[in-house]
Amino acid sequence: MKKQLHLLKENDDKKAFAVIEALSRENPDRIEVVLLQEARNTIPAWKSKTYLLRSKDEQSQTGASELVVIGYDQLVDLIFEADTVVAW
């Protein structure tokens, strides 16, 4: 399976959550998720690596310990490293 990056914008998108969880069960090392906008308050139920996009105005961001806080530069890197990018 190719590497997939999922950009999750909503914290109540049940279809996105179901797809990410299913893909994560099958290939957790090939799926990565970035939480942005309203989804930044989401607590992931999937096993794949999950990032929290820090807004431009924030100096630091606290979140669940399993989240990796990134900035826009790192987001661009993740997009170009992925074989497929899915925006939800």
N, C-alpha and C. Protein backbone atom coordinates (compact mmCIF):
# COMPACT_ATOMS: atom_id res chain seq x y z
N MET A 1 0.84 -1.18 0.00
CA MET A 1 0.00 0.00 0.00
C MET A 1 0.88 1.25 0.00
N LYS A 2 0.49 2.22 -0.79
CA LYS A 2 1.21 3.47 -0.84
C LYS A 2 0.93 4.30 0.40
N LYS A 3 1.82 5.24 0.68
CA LYS A 3 1.66 6.10 1.85
C LYS A 3 0.55 7.12 1.60
N GLN A 4 -0.39 7.19 2.56
CA GLN A 4 -1.51 8.12 2.46
C GLN A 4 -1.47 9.14 3.59
N LEU A 5 -1.76 10.38 3.24
CA LEU A 5 -1.87 11.45 4.23
C LEU A 5 -3.31 11.93 4.20
N HIS A 6 -3.95 11.93 5.37
CA HIS A 6 -5.33 12.39 5.49
C HIS A 6 -5.34 13.71 6.24
N LEU A 7 -5.94 14.73 5.64
CA LEU A 7 -6.08 16.04 6.25
C LEU A 7 -7.51 16.14 6.76
N LEU A 8 -7.67 16.13 8.06
CA LEU A 8 -8.99 16.10 8.67
C LEU A 8 -9.35 17.47 9.22
N LYS A 9 -10.43 18.08 8.70
CA LYS A 9 -10.81 19.44 9.08
C LYS A 9 -11.96 19.48 10.08
N GLU A 10 -12.84 18.50 10.08
CA GLU A 10 -14.03 18.51 10.94
C GLU A 10 -13.87 17.48 12.06
N ASN A 11 -14.38 17.80 13.24
CA ASN A 11 -14.26 16.85 14.35
C ASN A 11 -15.46 15.92 14.46
N ASP A 12 -16.41 16.02 13.52
CA ASP A 12 -17.58 15.14 13.57
C ASP A 12 -17.87 14.45 12.24
N ASP A 13 -16.85 14.27 11.42
CA ASP A 13 -17.00 13.63 10.11
C ASP A 13 -16.92 12.11 10.30
N LYS A 14 -18.08 11.50 10.51
CA LYS A 14 -18.13 10.06 10.82
C LYS A 14 -17.58 9.20 9.70
N LYS A 15 -17.82 9.59 8.46
CA LYS A 15 -17.31 8.83 7.32
C LYS A 15 -15.78 8.86 7.30
N ALA A 16 -15.21 10.04 7.51
CA ALA A 16 -13.75 10.16 7.52
C ALA A 16 -13.15 9.33 8.64
N PHE A 17 -13.75 9.41 9.83
CA PHE A 17 -13.25 8.64 10.97
C PHE A 17 -13.29 7.15 10.66
N ALA A 18 -14.39 6.68 10.08
CA ALA A 18 -14.53 5.25 9.77
C ALA A 18 -13.48 4.79 8.77
N VAL A 19 -13.26 5.59 7.73
CA VAL A 19 -12.28 5.22 6.70
C VAL A 19 -10.87 5.22 7.29
N ILE A 20 -10.53 6.26 8.03
CA ILE A 20 -9.19 6.34 8.63
C ILE A 20 -8.96 5.19 9.60
N GLU A 21 -9.95 4.89 10.43
CA GLU A 21 -9.81 3.79 11.38
C GLU A 21 -9.63 2.45 10.67
N ALA A 22 -10.40 2.21 9.61
CA ALA A 22 -10.28 0.95 8.85
C ALA A 22 -8.91 0.84 8.19
N LEU A 23 -8.48 1.89 7.53
CA LEU A 23 -7.16 1.87 6.88
C LEU A 23 -6.04 1.73 7.91
N SER A 24 -6.21 2.35 9.04
CA SER A 24 -5.21 2.29 10.10
C SER A 24 -5.07 0.88 10.66
N ARG A 25 -6.18 0.18 10.76
CA ARG A 25 -6.12 -1.22 11.24
C ARG A 25 -5.33 -2.10 10.27
N GLU A 26 -5.52 -1.85 8.97
CA GLU A 26 -4.86 -2.66 7.95
C GLU A 26 -3.38 -2.32 7.79
N ASN A 27 -3.06 -1.04 7.77
CA ASN A 27 -1.68 -0.59 7.49
C ASN A 27 -1.36 0.67 8.29
N PRO A 28 -1.22 0.57 9.61
CA PRO A 28 -1.01 1.77 10.41
C PRO A 28 0.25 2.55 10.05
N ASP A 29 1.26 1.88 9.52
CA ASP A 29 2.50 2.57 9.18
C ASP A 29 2.43 3.31 7.86
N ARG A 30 1.40 3.07 7.07
CA ARG A 30 1.27 3.70 5.76
C ARG A 30 0.24 4.83 5.75
N ILE A 31 -0.40 5.07 6.89
CA ILE A 31 -1.42 6.10 7.00
C ILE A 31 -0.95 7.15 8.01
N GLU A 32 -1.05 8.41 7.64
CA GLU A 32 -0.77 9.51 8.56
C GLU A 32 -1.94 10.49 8.49
N VAL A 33 -2.22 11.15 9.62
CA VAL A 33 -3.37 12.05 9.70
C VAL A 33 -2.90 13.39 10.26
N VAL A 34 -3.38 14.47 9.67
CA VAL A 34 -3.13 15.81 10.20
C VAL A 34 -4.48 16.40 10.63
N LEU A 35 -4.56 16.80 11.89
CA LEU A 35 -5.76 17.44 12.41
C LEU A 35 -5.61 18.95 12.26
N LEU A 36 -6.59 19.55 11.58
CA LEU A 36 -6.56 21.00 11.41
C LEU A 36 -7.96 21.58 11.57
N GLN A 37 -8.03 22.86 11.69
CA GLN A 37 -9.27 23.59 11.90
C GLN A 37 -10.05 23.00 13.07
N GLU A 38 -11.34 22.68 12.89
CA GLU A 38 -12.15 22.17 13.99
C GLU A 38 -11.70 20.79 14.48
N ALA A 39 -11.05 20.03 13.66
CA ALA A 39 -10.61 18.68 14.04
C ALA A 39 -9.45 18.69 15.02
N ARG A 40 -8.90 19.86 15.30
CA ARG A 40 -7.76 19.93 16.22
C ARG A 40 -8.12 19.47 17.63
N ASN A 41 -9.41 19.43 17.95
CA ASN A 41 -9.85 18.98 19.27
C ASN A 41 -10.15 17.48 19.30
N THR A 42 -9.92 16.81 18.20
CA THR A 42 -10.21 15.38 18.09
C THR A 42 -9.19 14.56 18.85
N ILE A 43 -9.67 13.55 19.54
CA ILE A 43 -8.79 12.56 20.16
C ILE A 43 -8.83 11.33 19.25
N PRO A 44 -7.71 11.00 18.61
CA PRO A 44 -7.72 9.92 17.62
C PRO A 44 -8.05 8.55 18.22
N ALA A 45 -8.86 7.80 17.49
CA ALA A 45 -9.18 6.42 17.87
C ALA A 45 -8.42 5.43 16.99
N TRP A 46 -7.63 5.93 16.06
CA TRP A 46 -6.89 5.07 15.14
C TRP A 46 -5.45 4.91 15.62
N LYS A 47 -4.74 3.97 15.00
CA LYS A 47 -3.37 3.64 15.42
C LYS A 47 -2.31 4.40 14.64
N SER A 48 -2.67 5.01 13.56
CA SER A 48 -1.71 5.68 12.69
C SER A 48 -1.17 6.95 13.35
N LYS A 49 0.00 7.35 12.89
CA LYS A 49 0.63 8.57 13.40
C LYS A 49 -0.25 9.77 13.08
N THR A 50 -0.44 10.61 14.09
CA THR A 50 -1.34 11.76 13.95
C THR A 50 -0.61 13.03 14.35
N TYR A 51 -0.80 14.04 13.53
CA TYR A 51 -0.17 15.34 13.74
C TYR A 51 -1.24 16.38 14.05
N LEU A 52 -0.88 17.38 14.81
CA LEU A 52 -1.76 18.50 15.13
C LEU A 52 -1.13 19.75 14.53
N LEU A 53 -1.85 20.39 13.61
CA LEU A 53 -1.32 21.58 12.97
C LEU A 53 -1.50 22.79 13.88
N ARG A 54 -0.40 23.39 14.23
CA ARG A 54 -0.40 24.59 15.05
C ARG A 54 -0.78 25.77 14.16
N SER A 55 -1.62 26.65 14.64
CA SER A 55 -1.98 27.83 13.84
C SER A 55 -0.83 28.83 13.87
N LYS A 56 -0.85 29.75 12.92
CA LYS A 56 0.24 30.73 12.80
C LYS A 56 0.38 31.58 14.06
N ASP A 57 -0.73 31.83 14.75
CA ASP A 57 -0.72 32.72 15.91
C ASP A 57 -0.31 32.04 17.21
N GLU A 58 -0.28 30.72 17.23
CA GLU A 58 0.03 30.00 18.45
C GLU A 58 1.53 29.82 18.62
N GLN A 59 2.00 30.08 19.82
CA GLN A 59 3.40 29.84 20.14
C GLN A 59 3.64 28.38 20.46
N SER A 60 2.71 27.79 21.21
CA SER A 60 2.82 26.38 21.54
C SER A 60 1.41 25.81 21.59
N GLN A 61 1.33 24.52 21.51
CA GLN A 61 0.03 23.86 21.49
C GLN A 61 0.10 22.64 22.38
N THR A 62 -0.86 22.51 23.25
CA THR A 62 -0.94 21.30 24.04
C THR A 62 -1.98 20.40 23.43
N GLY A 63 -1.77 19.14 23.51
CA GLY A 63 -2.72 18.18 22.97
C GLY A 63 -2.45 16.83 23.60
N ALA A 64 -3.12 15.84 23.10
CA ALA A 64 -2.91 14.49 23.60
C ALA A 64 -1.46 14.10 23.35
N SER A 65 -0.92 13.30 24.22
CA SER A 65 0.50 12.96 24.15
C SER A 65 0.87 12.20 22.88
N GLU A 66 -0.10 11.52 22.25
CA GLU A 66 0.21 10.77 21.04
C GLU A 66 0.24 11.65 19.79
N LEU A 67 -0.07 12.93 19.93
CA LEU A 67 -0.06 13.85 18.80
C LEU A 67 1.29 14.54 18.67
N VAL A 68 1.71 14.72 17.43
CA VAL A 68 2.94 15.45 17.14
C VAL A 68 2.52 16.82 16.62
N VAL A 69 2.92 17.88 17.30
CA VAL A 69 2.55 19.24 16.90
C VAL A 69 3.49 19.69 15.79
N ILE A 70 2.89 20.17 14.68
CA ILE A 70 3.69 20.61 13.53
C ILE A 70 3.24 22.00 13.10
N GLY A 71 4.09 22.65 12.32
CA GLY A 71 3.77 23.93 11.72
C GLY A 71 3.51 23.75 10.24
N TYR A 72 3.30 24.86 9.55
CA TYR A 72 2.97 24.80 8.13
C TYR A 72 4.11 24.25 7.28
N ASP A 73 5.36 24.52 7.66
CA ASP A 73 6.49 23.98 6.90
C ASP A 73 6.49 22.45 6.93
N GLN A 74 6.24 21.89 8.11
CA GLN A 74 6.20 20.43 8.23
C GLN A 74 5.00 19.85 7.49
N LEU A 75 3.87 20.58 7.46
CA LEU A 75 2.70 20.11 6.72
C LEU A 75 3.03 19.99 5.24
N VAL A 76 3.71 20.98 4.69
CA VAL A 76 4.09 20.93 3.28
C VAL A 76 5.00 19.72 3.03
N ASP A 77 5.95 19.47 3.93
CA ASP A 77 6.83 18.30 3.78
C ASP A 77 6.02 17.01 3.76
N LEU A 78 5.06 16.88 4.67
CA LEU A 78 4.23 15.66 4.73
C LEU A 78 3.44 15.48 3.43
N ILE A 79 2.93 16.57 2.89
CA ILE A 79 2.15 16.48 1.64
C ILE A 79 3.02 15.96 0.51
N PHE A 80 4.24 16.46 0.41
CA PHE A 80 5.11 16.02 -0.69
C PHE A 80 5.69 14.63 -0.47
N GLU A 81 5.75 14.16 0.78
CA GLU A 81 6.24 12.80 1.06
C GLU A 81 5.19 11.74 0.79
N ALA A 82 3.93 12.12 0.81
CA ALA A 82 2.84 11.15 0.64
C ALA A 82 2.63 10.82 -0.82
N ASP A 83 2.19 9.58 -1.06
CA ASP A 83 1.82 9.18 -2.43
C ASP A 83 0.41 9.68 -2.76
N THR A 84 -0.44 9.74 -1.73
CA THR A 84 -1.82 10.19 -1.90
C THR A 84 -2.19 11.11 -0.74
N VAL A 85 -2.87 12.21 -1.03
CA VAL A 85 -3.36 13.12 0.01
C VAL A 85 -4.88 13.18 -0.10
N VAL A 86 -5.54 12.94 1.03
CA VAL A 86 -7.00 12.97 1.07
C VAL A 86 -7.42 14.06 2.04
N ALA A 87 -8.24 14.99 1.58
CA ALA A 87 -8.74 16.06 2.42
C ALA A 87 -10.19 15.77 2.79
N TRP A 88 -10.47 15.78 4.07
CA TRP A 88 -11.83 15.53 4.55
C TRP A 88 -12.42 16.79 5.08
